[in-house]
Amino acid sequence: MGGLFHKLRHSAALLRRLRDRPFREQSVHRWFARDAAGGVGPSSFLPKYEHGYAAKSGLDANDFAGYVRGIIPATATSNEVFGFKLMGWYLQEFLGRLRGTQAFGGGHPDEDLEMLRNAFPQLQFIQIVRHNKVRQAVSKARAAQTGLWKIQEGNSASGEARFDPDLIANCLEDTRREELIWTRFLAGSASSRFWLSMKICPRITPAPSRRCSSS
């Protein structure tokens, strides 16, 4: 998973917070969503959610360039940070739509990083990876079987979880492929990239501090 942050002025403090918190599944995204130092951090540019975000912010999701420009001030935090999440599987689609606006430059894939910095000035990247890839694959397989992608009150399973080694193997390959997509894409942005290795902690048992380093 990649996180992109516009005007992230307190990166050192943010990374210390990430390192010192005992994260469980999806807690990283929830923390970004509510913490003023980290920005909003939602899936603002996942097409199926854009119309909802646009409606809340008084924007036109059909005007993608206008939506990109407008969603930043509409949802930035009080310290002027705008954050959003991008998964590797729709990174190229997002970049293609951004190129298609011709509003931020970047007419060629080689210019994508420059285009992103034009669209989101003072842009910084945070790449979040799971330390235990097998557990991540098992978690994804279980979610695919039950329909429970988020564990929260009111959600109920649509299917039964069962051991399926083929599904787990496919999920493991998907995880590796997505991480490779981000690793390759961010290879040219070392000056504004941070890497966070996340160990999933049990609900009750405390865990040691996390490792976080700048690339």
Protein backbone atom coordinates (compact mmCIF):
# COMPACT_ATOMS: atom_id res chain seq x y z
CA MET A 1 0.00 0.00 0.00
CA GLY A 2 1.22 3.47 -0.80
CA GLY A 3 0.30 6.66 0.98
CA LEU A 4 0.76 10.03 -0.68
CA PHE A 5 0.86 13.21 1.36
CA HIS A 6 0.56 16.80 0.18
CA LYS A 7 2.37 19.40 2.32
CA LEU A 8 3.55 16.91 4.93
CA ARG A 9 5.60 19.30 7.02
CA HIS A 10 6.07 17.19 10.14
CA SER A 11 7.35 13.92 8.65
CA ALA A 12 9.79 13.12 11.48
CA ALA A 13 7.09 13.42 14.14
CA LEU A 14 4.67 11.43 12.00
CA LEU A 15 7.16 8.60 11.51
CA ARG A 16 7.90 8.44 15.24
CA ARG A 17 4.18 8.04 15.89
CA LEU A 18 3.92 5.28 13.33
CA ARG A 19 6.95 3.49 14.77
CA ASP A 20 5.75 3.61 18.36
CA ARG A 21 2.12 2.55 17.88
CA PRO A 22 1.13 -1.15 18.17
CA PHE A 23 -0.80 -1.54 14.91
CA ARG A 24 -3.42 -4.14 14.17
CA GLU A 25 -5.02 -4.76 10.78
CA GLN A 26 -6.39 -1.60 9.16
CA SER A 27 -5.37 0.52 12.15
CA VAL A 28 -2.83 2.36 9.99
CA HIS A 29 -5.55 3.66 7.68
CA ARG A 30 -7.87 4.51 10.60
CA TRP A 31 -5.07 6.44 12.30
CA PHE A 32 -4.31 8.45 9.17
CA ALA A 33 -8.02 9.13 8.77
CA ARG A 34 -8.40 10.72 12.20
CA ASP A 35 -4.98 12.19 13.04
CA ALA A 36 -4.32 15.80 12.10
CA ALA A 37 -0.59 15.18 11.66
CA GLY A 38 -1.10 12.51 9.04
CA GLY A 39 -3.79 13.90 6.79
CA VAL A 40 -7.12 12.38 5.85
CA GLY A 41 -5.78 9.28 4.15
CA PRO A 42 -8.92 7.82 2.52
CA SER A 43 -9.31 6.24 -0.91
CA SER A 44 -10.11 9.62 -2.41
CA PHE A 45 -9.14 8.51 -5.91
CA LEU A 46 -10.74 5.07 -6.04
CA PRO A 47 -13.41 5.64 -8.72
CA LYS A 48 -16.26 3.95 -6.85
CA TYR A 49 -15.82 6.38 -3.94
CA GLU A 50 -15.08 9.58 -5.85
CA HIS A 51 -18.69 10.62 -6.38
CA GLY A 52 -19.38 10.33 -2.66
CA TYR A 53 -16.35 12.42 -1.72
CA ALA A 54 -17.22 14.93 -4.46
CA ALA A 55 -20.80 15.28 -3.23
CA LYS A 56 -19.66 15.91 0.35
CA SER A 57 -17.18 18.53 -0.84
CA GLY A 58 -19.36 20.26 -3.44
CA LEU A 59 -17.20 19.06 -6.34
CA ASP A 60 -17.87 17.51 -9.75
CA ALA A 61 -16.33 14.04 -9.92
CA ASN A 62 -16.75 14.05 -13.71
CA ASP A 63 -14.23 16.90 -13.94
CA PHE A 64 -11.23 14.95 -12.69
CA ALA A 65 -8.74 17.83 -12.80
CA GLY A 66 -11.17 20.03 -10.88
CA TYR A 67 -11.85 17.21 -8.44
CA VAL A 68 -8.11 16.75 -7.77
CA ARG A 69 -7.63 20.47 -7.21
CA GLY A 70 -10.75 20.81 -5.07
CA ILE A 71 -10.50 17.74 -2.85
CA ILE A 72 -7.19 18.96 -1.40
CA PRO A 73 -8.45 22.12 0.33
CA ALA A 74 -11.85 20.52 0.97
CA THR A 75 -10.46 17.67 3.07
CA ALA A 76 -7.02 18.86 4.25
CA THR A 77 -6.44 18.92 7.99
CA SER A 78 -6.04 22.04 10.10
CA ASN A 79 -2.26 21.92 9.59
CA GLU A 80 -2.76 21.90 5.81
CA VAL A 81 -2.01 18.22 5.20
CA PHE A 82 -3.88 16.23 2.57
CA GLY A 83 -3.26 12.50 2.48
CA PHE A 84 -4.70 9.71 0.39
CA LYS A 85 -4.23 5.98 -0.07
CA LEU A 86 -3.37 4.25 -3.33
CA MET A 87 -3.20 0.51 -3.78
CA GLY A 88 -0.87 -0.91 -6.39
CA TRP A 89 -3.67 -2.57 -8.33
CA TYR A 90 -5.19 0.77 -9.34
CA LEU A 91 -2.05 2.94 -9.37
CA GLN A 92 -1.67 2.87 -13.15
CA GLU A 93 -5.36 3.61 -13.70
CA PHE A 94 -5.07 6.65 -11.43
CA LEU A 95 -1.95 7.87 -13.21
CA GLY A 96 -3.62 7.37 -16.60
CA ARG A 97 -6.63 9.44 -15.58
CA LEU A 98 -4.34 12.15 -14.23
CA ARG A 99 -2.41 12.19 -17.50
CA GLY A 100 -5.67 12.33 -19.43
CA THR A 101 -6.63 15.65 -17.87
CA GLN A 102 -3.52 17.31 -19.42
CA ALA A 103 -3.75 19.69 -16.49
CA PHE A 104 -0.64 18.64 -14.59
CA GLY A 105 1.81 17.72 -17.35
CA GLY A 106 3.01 14.14 -17.56
CA GLY A 107 2.02 13.14 -21.06
CA HIS A 108 4.29 10.08 -20.83
CA PRO A 109 4.73 7.45 -18.06
CA ASP A 110 8.35 8.56 -17.61
CA GLU A 111 7.00 11.90 -16.39
CA ASP A 112 4.55 10.48 -13.84
CA LEU A 113 6.51 11.54 -10.76
CA GLU A 114 6.78 15.10 -12.05
CA MET A 115 3.07 15.06 -12.84
CA LEU A 116 2.23 13.92 -9.31
CA ARG A 117 4.35 16.68 -7.83
CA ASN A 118 2.58 19.22 -10.04
CA ALA A 119 -0.80 17.94 -8.86
CA PHE A 120 0.28 17.63 -5.21
CA PRO A 121 3.03 20.15 -4.36
CA GLN A 122 5.49 19.15 -1.61
CA LEU A 123 4.43 15.55 -2.14
CA GLN A 124 5.88 12.79 0.04
CA PHE A 125 5.36 9.04 -0.16
CA ILE A 126 4.93 6.47 2.58
CA GLN A 127 5.08 2.83 1.51
CA ILE A 128 3.48 0.49 4.04
CA VAL A 129 4.27 -3.22 3.86
CA ARG A 130 3.25 -6.16 6.03
CA HIS A 131 6.14 -7.88 7.79
CA ASN A 132 4.48 -11.30 7.69
CA LYS A 133 3.39 -11.90 4.09
CA VAL A 134 1.79 -15.27 4.81
CA ARG A 135 -0.47 -13.81 7.50
CA GLN A 136 -1.39 -11.04 5.10
CA ALA A 137 -2.34 -13.61 2.44
CA VAL A 138 -4.40 -15.63 4.93
CA SER A 139 -6.17 -12.44 6.05
CA LYS A 140 -6.95 -11.46 2.46
CA ALA A 141 -8.21 -14.95 1.61
CA ARG A 142 -10.49 -14.95 4.66
CA ALA A 143 -11.86 -11.53 3.72
CA ALA A 144 -12.53 -12.72 0.16
CA GLN A 145 -14.47 -15.72 1.48
CA THR A 146 -16.49 -13.91 4.14
CA GLY A 147 -16.90 -10.50 2.52
CA LEU A 148 -15.59 -8.89 5.73
CA TRP A 149 -12.89 -6.53 4.49
CA LYS A 150 -13.34 -4.39 7.60
CA ILE A 151 -14.08 -5.77 11.06
CA GLN A 152 -16.47 -3.30 12.59
CA GLU A 153 -19.84 -3.17 14.30
CA GLY A 154 -22.74 -3.85 11.95
CA ASN A 155 -20.78 -5.90 9.43
CA SER A 156 -21.77 -9.53 8.98
CA ALA A 157 -20.16 -12.35 7.02
CA SER A 158 -21.61 -13.27 3.64
CA GLY A 159 -19.76 -16.59 3.53
CA GLU A 160 -17.82 -19.02 5.68
CA ALA A 161 -14.05 -18.94 6.06
CA ARG A 162 -12.33 -22.22 5.24
CA PHE A 163 -8.80 -23.35 4.55
CA ASP A 164 -8.09 -22.99 0.82
CA PRO A 165 -4.37 -23.35 0.03
CA ASP A 166 -4.82 -22.34 -3.61
CA LEU A 167 -6.62 -19.12 -2.67
CA ILE A 168 -3.98 -18.31 -0.05
CA ALA A 169 -1.22 -18.91 -2.61
CA ASN A 170 -2.96 -16.57 -5.08
CA CYS A 171 -3.35 -13.91 -2.39
CA LEU A 172 0.32 -14.25 -1.49
CA GLU A 173 1.29 -13.74 -5.13
CA ASP A 174 -1.05 -10.72 -5.37
CA THR A 175 0.60 -9.22 -2.30
CA ARG A 176 4.10 -9.69 -3.68
CA ARG A 177 3.07 -8.29 -7.06
CA GLU A 178 1.51 -5.18 -5.52
CA GLU A 179 4.55 -4.52 -3.34
CA LEU A 180 6.79 -4.86 -6.41
CA ILE A 181 4.63 -2.34 -8.30
CA TRP A 182 5.24 0.25 -5.60
CA THR A 183 8.92 -0.62 -5.16
CA ARG A 184 9.57 -0.08 -8.85
CA PHE A 185 7.48 3.07 -9.08
CA LEU A 186 9.05 4.68 -6.03
CA ALA A 187 12.60 3.78 -7.02
CA GLY A 188 13.04 7.25 -8.51
CA SER A 189 11.62 9.16 -5.54
CA ALA A 190 14.05 8.34 -2.75
CA SER A 191 14.28 11.95 -1.62
CA SER A 192 10.60 12.04 -0.63
CA ARG A 193 9.88 8.44 0.27
CA PHE A 194 9.49 6.69 3.62
CA TRP A 195 9.14 2.97 4.20
CA LEU A 196 7.15 1.42 7.05
CA SER A 197 7.31 -2.28 7.88
CA MET A 198 4.20 -3.20 9.84
CA LYS A 199 3.87 -6.16 12.17
CA ILE A 200 0.29 -7.02 13.01
CA CYS A 201 -0.28 -7.06 16.74
CA PRO A 202 -2.81 -9.12 18.67
CA ARG A 203 -5.78 -7.24 20.09
CA ILE A 204 -4.57 -7.50 23.69
CA THR A 205 -0.91 -8.49 23.78
CA PRO A 206 1.47 -5.49 23.65
CA ALA A 207 4.04 -5.53 20.89
CA PRO A 208 7.56 -4.09 20.58
CA SER A 209 8.06 -0.82 18.77
CA ARG A 210 7.85 -0.87 14.99
CA ARG A 211 10.66 -0.27 12.54
CA CYS A 212 10.40 2.76 10.32
CA SER A 213 13.15 4.18 8.16
CA SER A 214 13.52 6.67 5.37
CA SER A 215 14.80 5.33 2.06
